[in-house]
Amino acid sequence: MVDDEKDLEFLARQKFRKALAAEKFQLIFAQNGRDALSIIENDPEIAVIISDINMPEMDGLTLLKHTHTLRPHIRTILVSAYGDLTTLRKAMNYRAFDFVTKPVDFQDLEESILRALEI
C-alpha cells in the first residue's frame, strides 16, 4: 500500500485483520511512489500494489508507469479522492487493474485485492 497519509497503515491493518490472520495476503507500506518503487525492485513476490494517486515525490500514476515497465505482471489498484472521468481514464490507459475512490470501502477494496491475486 502506497499512501502519504500516515494513519492508513493502522487503519488498513485493522480493516484487513481477518484476511491478514488467514494469510490471504500480506501488507507492506510505503509513504510515496519513490519509496514504493525501491521496495518493489527488491521484492519479486509483490503481486498487487494499492496506491494513492496524489502523493509527494512520485504520484501513483507515475509509479504505475514504472512498475508496468519493471514488472508487468503486478496488478495495481489506484485510489483517489477524485473520481473524475479524466483521472479514471488515465488510470485505465496506464493499465491499472482497478480504481477505488476515497473514502475507501475496505470490503470492496479487499474483494478487488483478492480478484487481482486470482489472475
N, C-alpha and C. Protein backbone atom coordinates (compact mmCIF):
# COMPACT_ATOMS: atom_id res chain seq x y z
N MET A 1 0.85 -1.17 0.00
CA MET A 1 0.00 0.00 0.00
C MET A 1 0.89 1.23 0.00
N VAL A 2 0.56 2.15 -0.88
CA VAL A 2 1.36 3.37 -1.03
C VAL A 2 0.44 4.56 -0.80
N ASP A 3 0.71 5.30 0.25
CA ASP A 3 -0.11 6.47 0.56
C ASP A 3 0.65 7.35 1.53
N ASP A 4 0.56 8.65 1.35
CA ASP A 4 1.26 9.58 2.23
C ASP A 4 0.49 9.86 3.52
N GLU A 5 -0.71 9.33 3.66
CA GLU A 5 -1.47 9.50 4.90
C GLU A 5 -0.93 8.52 5.93
N LYS A 6 -0.37 9.04 7.01
CA LYS A 6 0.32 8.22 7.99
C LYS A 6 -0.59 7.25 8.74
N ASP A 7 -1.85 7.58 8.90
CA ASP A 7 -2.75 6.70 9.65
C ASP A 7 -3.31 5.54 8.82
N LEU A 8 -2.99 5.49 7.54
CA LEU A 8 -3.53 4.45 6.67
C LEU A 8 -3.06 3.06 7.09
N GLU A 9 -1.80 2.92 7.48
CA GLU A 9 -1.29 1.60 7.86
C GLU A 9 -2.09 1.03 9.03
N PHE A 10 -2.28 1.82 10.07
CA PHE A 10 -3.04 1.37 11.23
C PHE A 10 -4.47 0.98 10.83
N LEU A 11 -5.12 1.84 10.06
CA LEU A 11 -6.49 1.60 9.62
C LEU A 11 -6.58 0.35 8.75
N ALA A 12 -5.68 0.20 7.80
CA ALA A 12 -5.70 -0.96 6.90
C ALA A 12 -5.47 -2.25 7.68
N ARG A 13 -4.54 -2.23 8.62
CA ARG A 13 -4.28 -3.44 9.41
C ARG A 13 -5.51 -3.83 10.24
N GLN A 14 -6.25 -2.84 10.73
CA GLN A 14 -7.49 -3.11 11.45
C GLN A 14 -8.55 -3.69 10.51
N LYS A 15 -8.77 -3.01 9.39
CA LYS A 15 -9.82 -3.41 8.46
C LYS A 15 -9.56 -4.78 7.82
N PHE A 16 -8.28 -5.11 7.59
CA PHE A 16 -7.92 -6.37 6.94
C PHE A 16 -7.44 -7.43 7.92
N ARG A 17 -7.69 -7.25 9.22
CA ARG A 17 -7.12 -8.15 10.22
C ARG A 17 -7.49 -9.61 9.99
N LYS A 18 -8.72 -9.90 9.57
CA LYS A 18 -9.13 -11.29 9.33
C LYS A 18 -8.40 -11.87 8.13
N ALA A 19 -8.31 -11.10 7.05
CA ALA A 19 -7.61 -11.57 5.84
C ALA A 19 -6.12 -11.75 6.13
N LEU A 20 -5.55 -10.87 6.93
CA LEU A 20 -4.13 -10.99 7.28
C LEU A 20 -3.90 -12.21 8.17
N ALA A 21 -4.80 -12.42 9.14
CA ALA A 21 -4.67 -13.59 10.03
C ALA A 21 -4.82 -14.89 9.25
N ALA A 22 -5.69 -14.88 8.24
CA ALA A 22 -5.90 -16.07 7.40
C ALA A 22 -4.83 -16.21 6.32
N GLU A 23 -3.89 -15.26 6.29
CA GLU A 23 -2.79 -15.23 5.33
C GLU A 23 -3.27 -15.22 3.88
N LYS A 24 -4.39 -14.51 3.64
CA LYS A 24 -4.86 -14.33 2.26
C LYS A 24 -3.91 -13.42 1.51
N PHE A 25 -3.30 -12.48 2.22
CA PHE A 25 -2.28 -11.59 1.67
C PHE A 25 -1.52 -10.94 2.81
N GLN A 26 -0.40 -10.33 2.48
CA GLN A 26 0.40 -9.56 3.43
C GLN A 26 0.37 -8.10 3.00
N LEU A 27 0.66 -7.22 3.93
CA LEU A 27 0.70 -5.80 3.60
C LEU A 27 2.09 -5.23 3.86
N ILE A 28 2.57 -4.46 2.90
CA ILE A 28 3.81 -3.70 3.04
C ILE A 28 3.44 -2.25 2.71
N PHE A 29 3.97 -1.30 3.47
CA PHE A 29 3.58 0.09 3.30
C PHE A 29 4.73 0.98 2.86
N ALA A 30 4.40 1.97 2.03
CA ALA A 30 5.34 3.00 1.60
C ALA A 30 4.62 4.34 1.64
N GLN A 31 5.37 5.41 1.91
CA GLN A 31 4.79 6.75 2.04
C GLN A 31 4.66 7.50 0.73
N ASN A 32 5.35 7.03 -0.33
CA ASN A 32 5.27 7.70 -1.62
C ASN A 32 5.72 6.73 -2.71
N GLY A 33 5.54 7.11 -3.94
CA GLY A 33 5.86 6.26 -5.06
C GLY A 33 7.34 5.92 -5.17
N ARG A 34 8.19 6.84 -4.82
CA ARG A 34 9.64 6.59 -4.90
C ARG A 34 10.05 5.49 -3.92
N ASP A 35 9.55 5.57 -2.68
CA ASP A 35 9.85 4.53 -1.69
C ASP A 35 9.25 3.19 -2.13
N ALA A 36 8.05 3.23 -2.67
CA ALA A 36 7.39 2.00 -3.13
C ALA A 36 8.17 1.35 -4.26
N LEU A 37 8.65 2.14 -5.18
CA LEU A 37 9.42 1.60 -6.31
C LEU A 37 10.68 0.88 -5.81
N SER A 38 11.32 1.43 -4.82
CA SER A 38 12.50 0.79 -4.23
C SER A 38 12.13 -0.55 -3.61
N ILE A 39 11.03 -0.60 -2.90
CA ILE A 39 10.56 -1.86 -2.29
C ILE A 39 10.23 -2.88 -3.37
N ILE A 40 9.53 -2.45 -4.40
CA ILE A 40 9.12 -3.34 -5.50
C ILE A 40 10.34 -3.91 -6.22
N GLU A 41 11.34 -3.08 -6.44
CA GLU A 41 12.56 -3.54 -7.12
C GLU A 41 13.27 -4.62 -6.33
N ASN A 42 13.13 -4.60 -5.00
CA ASN A 42 13.85 -5.54 -4.14
C ASN A 42 13.01 -6.71 -3.65
N ASP A 43 11.74 -6.77 -4.01
CA ASP A 43 10.86 -7.86 -3.55
C ASP A 43 10.09 -8.43 -4.73
N PRO A 44 10.60 -9.50 -5.34
CA PRO A 44 9.95 -10.07 -6.53
C PRO A 44 8.60 -10.75 -6.24
N GLU A 45 8.24 -10.91 -4.97
CA GLU A 45 6.98 -11.57 -4.63
C GLU A 45 5.78 -10.63 -4.61
N ILE A 46 6.00 -9.34 -4.72
CA ILE A 46 4.88 -8.39 -4.70
C ILE A 46 4.02 -8.63 -5.94
N ALA A 47 2.73 -8.84 -5.71
CA ALA A 47 1.80 -9.15 -6.80
C ALA A 47 0.78 -8.04 -7.04
N VAL A 48 0.46 -7.26 -6.00
CA VAL A 48 -0.56 -6.22 -6.10
C VAL A 48 -0.06 -4.96 -5.40
N ILE A 49 -0.29 -3.83 -6.05
CA ILE A 49 0.02 -2.53 -5.46
C ILE A 49 -1.30 -1.79 -5.29
N ILE A 50 -1.49 -1.21 -4.12
CA ILE A 50 -2.63 -0.33 -3.88
C ILE A 50 -2.01 1.04 -3.65
N SER A 51 -2.27 1.97 -4.54
CA SER A 51 -1.59 3.26 -4.47
C SER A 51 -2.53 4.43 -4.60
N ASP A 52 -2.33 5.39 -3.71
CA ASP A 52 -2.99 6.68 -3.85
C ASP A 52 -2.43 7.33 -5.11
N ILE A 53 -3.21 8.19 -5.72
CA ILE A 53 -2.71 8.88 -6.91
C ILE A 53 -1.93 10.13 -6.53
N ASN A 54 -2.47 10.95 -5.65
CA ASN A 54 -1.82 12.22 -5.30
C ASN A 54 -0.92 12.04 -4.08
N MET A 55 0.41 12.07 -4.33
CA MET A 55 1.40 11.94 -3.27
C MET A 55 2.61 12.79 -3.63
N PRO A 56 3.41 13.16 -2.61
CA PRO A 56 4.65 13.88 -2.89
C PRO A 56 5.71 12.95 -3.47
N GLU A 57 6.71 13.51 -4.09
CA GLU A 57 7.89 12.83 -4.64
C GLU A 57 7.60 12.02 -5.90
N MET A 58 6.62 11.11 -5.86
CA MET A 58 6.21 10.38 -7.06
C MET A 58 4.75 9.99 -6.88
N ASP A 59 3.90 10.44 -7.80
CA ASP A 59 2.47 10.15 -7.68
C ASP A 59 2.16 8.71 -8.13
N GLY A 60 0.95 8.29 -7.89
CA GLY A 60 0.54 6.93 -8.21
C GLY A 60 0.53 6.59 -9.68
N LEU A 61 0.19 7.55 -10.54
CA LEU A 61 0.20 7.28 -11.98
C LEU A 61 1.63 7.09 -12.50
N THR A 62 2.56 7.87 -11.99
CA THR A 62 3.96 7.71 -12.38
C THR A 62 4.49 6.38 -11.86
N LEU A 63 4.15 6.03 -10.63
CA LEU A 63 4.54 4.73 -10.08
C LEU A 63 4.00 3.60 -10.96
N LEU A 64 2.75 3.71 -11.38
CA LEU A 64 2.14 2.69 -12.24
C LEU A 64 2.91 2.53 -13.54
N LYS A 65 3.30 3.65 -14.15
CA LYS A 65 4.08 3.58 -15.40
C LYS A 65 5.40 2.84 -15.18
N HIS A 66 6.08 3.14 -14.08
CA HIS A 66 7.37 2.50 -13.78
C HIS A 66 7.19 1.01 -13.49
N THR A 67 6.21 0.68 -12.66
CA THR A 67 6.05 -0.73 -12.29
C THR A 67 5.57 -1.56 -13.48
N HIS A 68 4.76 -0.98 -14.34
CA HIS A 68 4.31 -1.74 -15.51
C HIS A 68 5.49 -2.09 -16.42
N THR A 69 6.46 -1.20 -16.50
CA THR A 69 7.65 -1.47 -17.29
C THR A 69 8.56 -2.48 -16.58
N LEU A 70 8.74 -2.28 -15.28
CA LEU A 70 9.64 -3.11 -14.48
C LEU A 70 9.09 -4.52 -14.27
N ARG A 71 7.82 -4.60 -13.89
CA ARG A 71 7.17 -5.88 -13.61
C ARG A 71 5.74 -5.85 -14.12
N PRO A 72 5.53 -6.15 -15.39
CA PRO A 72 4.20 -6.04 -15.99
C PRO A 72 3.14 -6.95 -15.39
N HIS A 73 3.54 -7.97 -14.66
CA HIS A 73 2.57 -8.89 -14.06
C HIS A 73 1.92 -8.32 -12.79
N ILE A 74 2.51 -7.30 -12.20
CA ILE A 74 1.94 -6.71 -10.98
C ILE A 74 0.63 -6.00 -11.31
N ARG A 75 -0.38 -6.26 -10.52
CA ARG A 75 -1.68 -5.59 -10.67
C ARG A 75 -1.70 -4.37 -9.75
N THR A 76 -2.17 -3.24 -10.28
CA THR A 76 -2.21 -2.01 -9.49
C THR A 76 -3.64 -1.53 -9.33
N ILE A 77 -4.00 -1.27 -8.08
CA ILE A 77 -5.30 -0.69 -7.74
C ILE A 77 -5.00 0.75 -7.31
N LEU A 78 -5.53 1.70 -8.05
CA LEU A 78 -5.31 3.11 -7.74
C LEU A 78 -6.45 3.65 -6.89
N VAL A 79 -6.08 4.51 -5.96
CA VAL A 79 -7.04 5.11 -5.02
C VAL A 79 -6.95 6.62 -5.16
N SER A 80 -8.10 7.26 -5.23
CA SER A 80 -8.11 8.72 -5.35
C SER A 80 -9.34 9.31 -4.69
N ALA A 81 -9.17 10.49 -4.14
CA ALA A 81 -10.31 11.23 -3.61
C ALA A 81 -11.13 11.83 -4.74
N TYR A 82 -10.53 11.84 -5.93
CA TYR A 82 -11.18 12.45 -7.09
C TYR A 82 -11.55 11.36 -8.09
N GLY A 83 -12.84 11.07 -8.19
CA GLY A 83 -13.31 10.03 -9.09
C GLY A 83 -13.72 10.58 -10.44
N ASP A 84 -13.05 11.64 -10.88
CA ASP A 84 -13.43 12.25 -12.15
C ASP A 84 -13.03 11.36 -13.31
N LEU A 85 -13.72 11.52 -14.42
CA LEU A 85 -13.52 10.69 -15.60
C LEU A 85 -12.11 10.81 -16.18
N THR A 86 -11.53 11.99 -16.14
CA THR A 86 -10.18 12.18 -16.68
C THR A 86 -9.17 11.34 -15.91
N THR A 87 -9.24 11.37 -14.59
CA THR A 87 -8.32 10.59 -13.76
C THR A 87 -8.55 9.10 -13.98
N LEU A 88 -9.80 8.69 -14.02
CA LEU A 88 -10.12 7.29 -14.26
C LEU A 88 -9.59 6.82 -15.62
N ARG A 89 -9.76 7.64 -16.62
CA ARG A 89 -9.28 7.31 -17.96
C ARG A 89 -7.76 7.16 -17.99
N LYS A 90 -7.06 8.09 -17.32
CA LYS A 90 -5.60 7.99 -17.24
C LYS A 90 -5.19 6.69 -16.56
N ALA A 91 -5.86 6.36 -15.47
CA ALA A 91 -5.54 5.13 -14.73
C ALA A 91 -5.70 3.91 -15.62
N MET A 92 -6.77 3.85 -16.36
CA MET A 92 -7.01 2.70 -17.23
C MET A 92 -6.03 2.69 -18.41
N ASN A 93 -5.69 3.86 -18.95
CA ASN A 93 -4.71 3.92 -20.03
C ASN A 93 -3.33 3.45 -19.58
N TYR A 94 -3.03 3.65 -18.31
CA TYR A 94 -1.76 3.19 -17.75
C TYR A 94 -1.85 1.75 -17.25
N ARG A 95 -2.94 1.08 -17.58
CA ARG A 95 -3.16 -0.33 -17.27
C ARG A 95 -3.39 -0.62 -15.79
N ALA A 96 -4.11 0.25 -15.10
CA ALA A 96 -4.49 -0.04 -13.73
C ALA A 96 -5.46 -1.22 -13.73
N PHE A 97 -5.37 -2.05 -12.72
CA PHE A 97 -6.28 -3.18 -12.60
C PHE A 97 -7.65 -2.71 -12.12
N ASP A 98 -7.65 -1.77 -11.19
CA ASP A 98 -8.91 -1.27 -10.64
C ASP A 98 -8.69 0.15 -10.13
N PHE A 99 -9.80 0.83 -9.85
CA PHE A 99 -9.77 2.21 -9.39
C PHE A 99 -10.78 2.34 -8.26
N VAL A 100 -10.34 2.85 -7.11
CA VAL A 100 -11.20 2.97 -5.93
C VAL A 100 -11.18 4.43 -5.49
N THR A 101 -12.34 4.94 -5.10
CA THR A 101 -12.39 6.33 -4.62
C THR A 101 -12.41 6.37 -3.10
N LYS A 102 -11.91 7.49 -2.57
CA LYS A 102 -11.94 7.76 -1.13
C LYS A 102 -13.26 8.44 -0.79
N PRO A 103 -13.81 8.24 0.36
CA PRO A 103 -13.32 7.34 1.40
C PRO A 103 -13.40 5.89 0.94
N VAL A 104 -12.39 5.12 1.28
CA VAL A 104 -12.26 3.75 0.80
C VAL A 104 -13.26 2.83 1.50
N ASP A 105 -13.96 2.06 0.69
CA ASP A 105 -14.81 0.98 1.20
C ASP A 105 -13.88 -0.23 1.29
N PHE A 106 -13.44 -0.58 2.50
CA PHE A 106 -12.43 -1.61 2.66
C PHE A 106 -12.93 -3.00 2.26
N GLN A 107 -14.21 -3.25 2.37
CA GLN A 107 -14.74 -4.53 1.90
C GLN A 107 -14.59 -4.63 0.38
N ASP A 108 -14.93 -3.57 -0.30
CA ASP A 108 -14.78 -3.52 -1.76
C ASP A 108 -13.30 -3.63 -2.15
N LEU A 109 -12.43 -2.94 -1.41
CA LEU A 109 -11.00 -2.99 -1.69
C LEU A 109 -10.46 -4.41 -1.48
N GLU A 110 -10.89 -5.08 -0.43
CA GLU A 110 -10.44 -6.45 -0.20
C GLU A 110 -10.87 -7.37 -1.34
N GLU A 111 -12.09 -7.21 -1.81
CA GLU A 111 -12.56 -8.01 -2.95
C GLU A 111 -11.72 -7.74 -4.19
N SER A 112 -11.37 -6.49 -4.40
CA SER A 112 -10.53 -6.13 -5.55
C SER A 112 -9.13 -6.75 -5.41
N ILE A 113 -8.56 -6.72 -4.22
CA ILE A 113 -7.25 -7.33 -3.97
C ILE A 113 -7.30 -8.82 -4.28
N LEU A 114 -8.33 -9.50 -3.76
CA LEU A 114 -8.44 -10.94 -3.98
C LEU A 114 -8.64 -11.28 -5.45
N ARG A 115 -9.40 -10.46 -6.18
CA ARG A 115 -9.55 -10.65 -7.64
C ARG A 115 -8.21 -10.48 -8.34
N ALA A 116 -7.46 -9.49 -7.94
CA ALA A 116 -6.15 -9.23 -8.54
C ALA A 116 -5.19 -10.40 -8.28
N LEU A 117 -5.29 -11.01 -7.12
CA LEU A 117 -4.42 -12.14 -6.80
C LEU A 117 -4.81 -13.41 -7.53
N GLU A 118 -6.06 -13.51 -7.97
CA GLU A 118 -6.53 -14.70 -8.68
C GLU A 118 -6.00 -14.76 -10.11
N ILE A 119 -5.75 -13.64 -10.70
CA ILE A 119 -5.38 -13.60 -12.11
C ILE A 119 -3.97 -14.12 -12.33
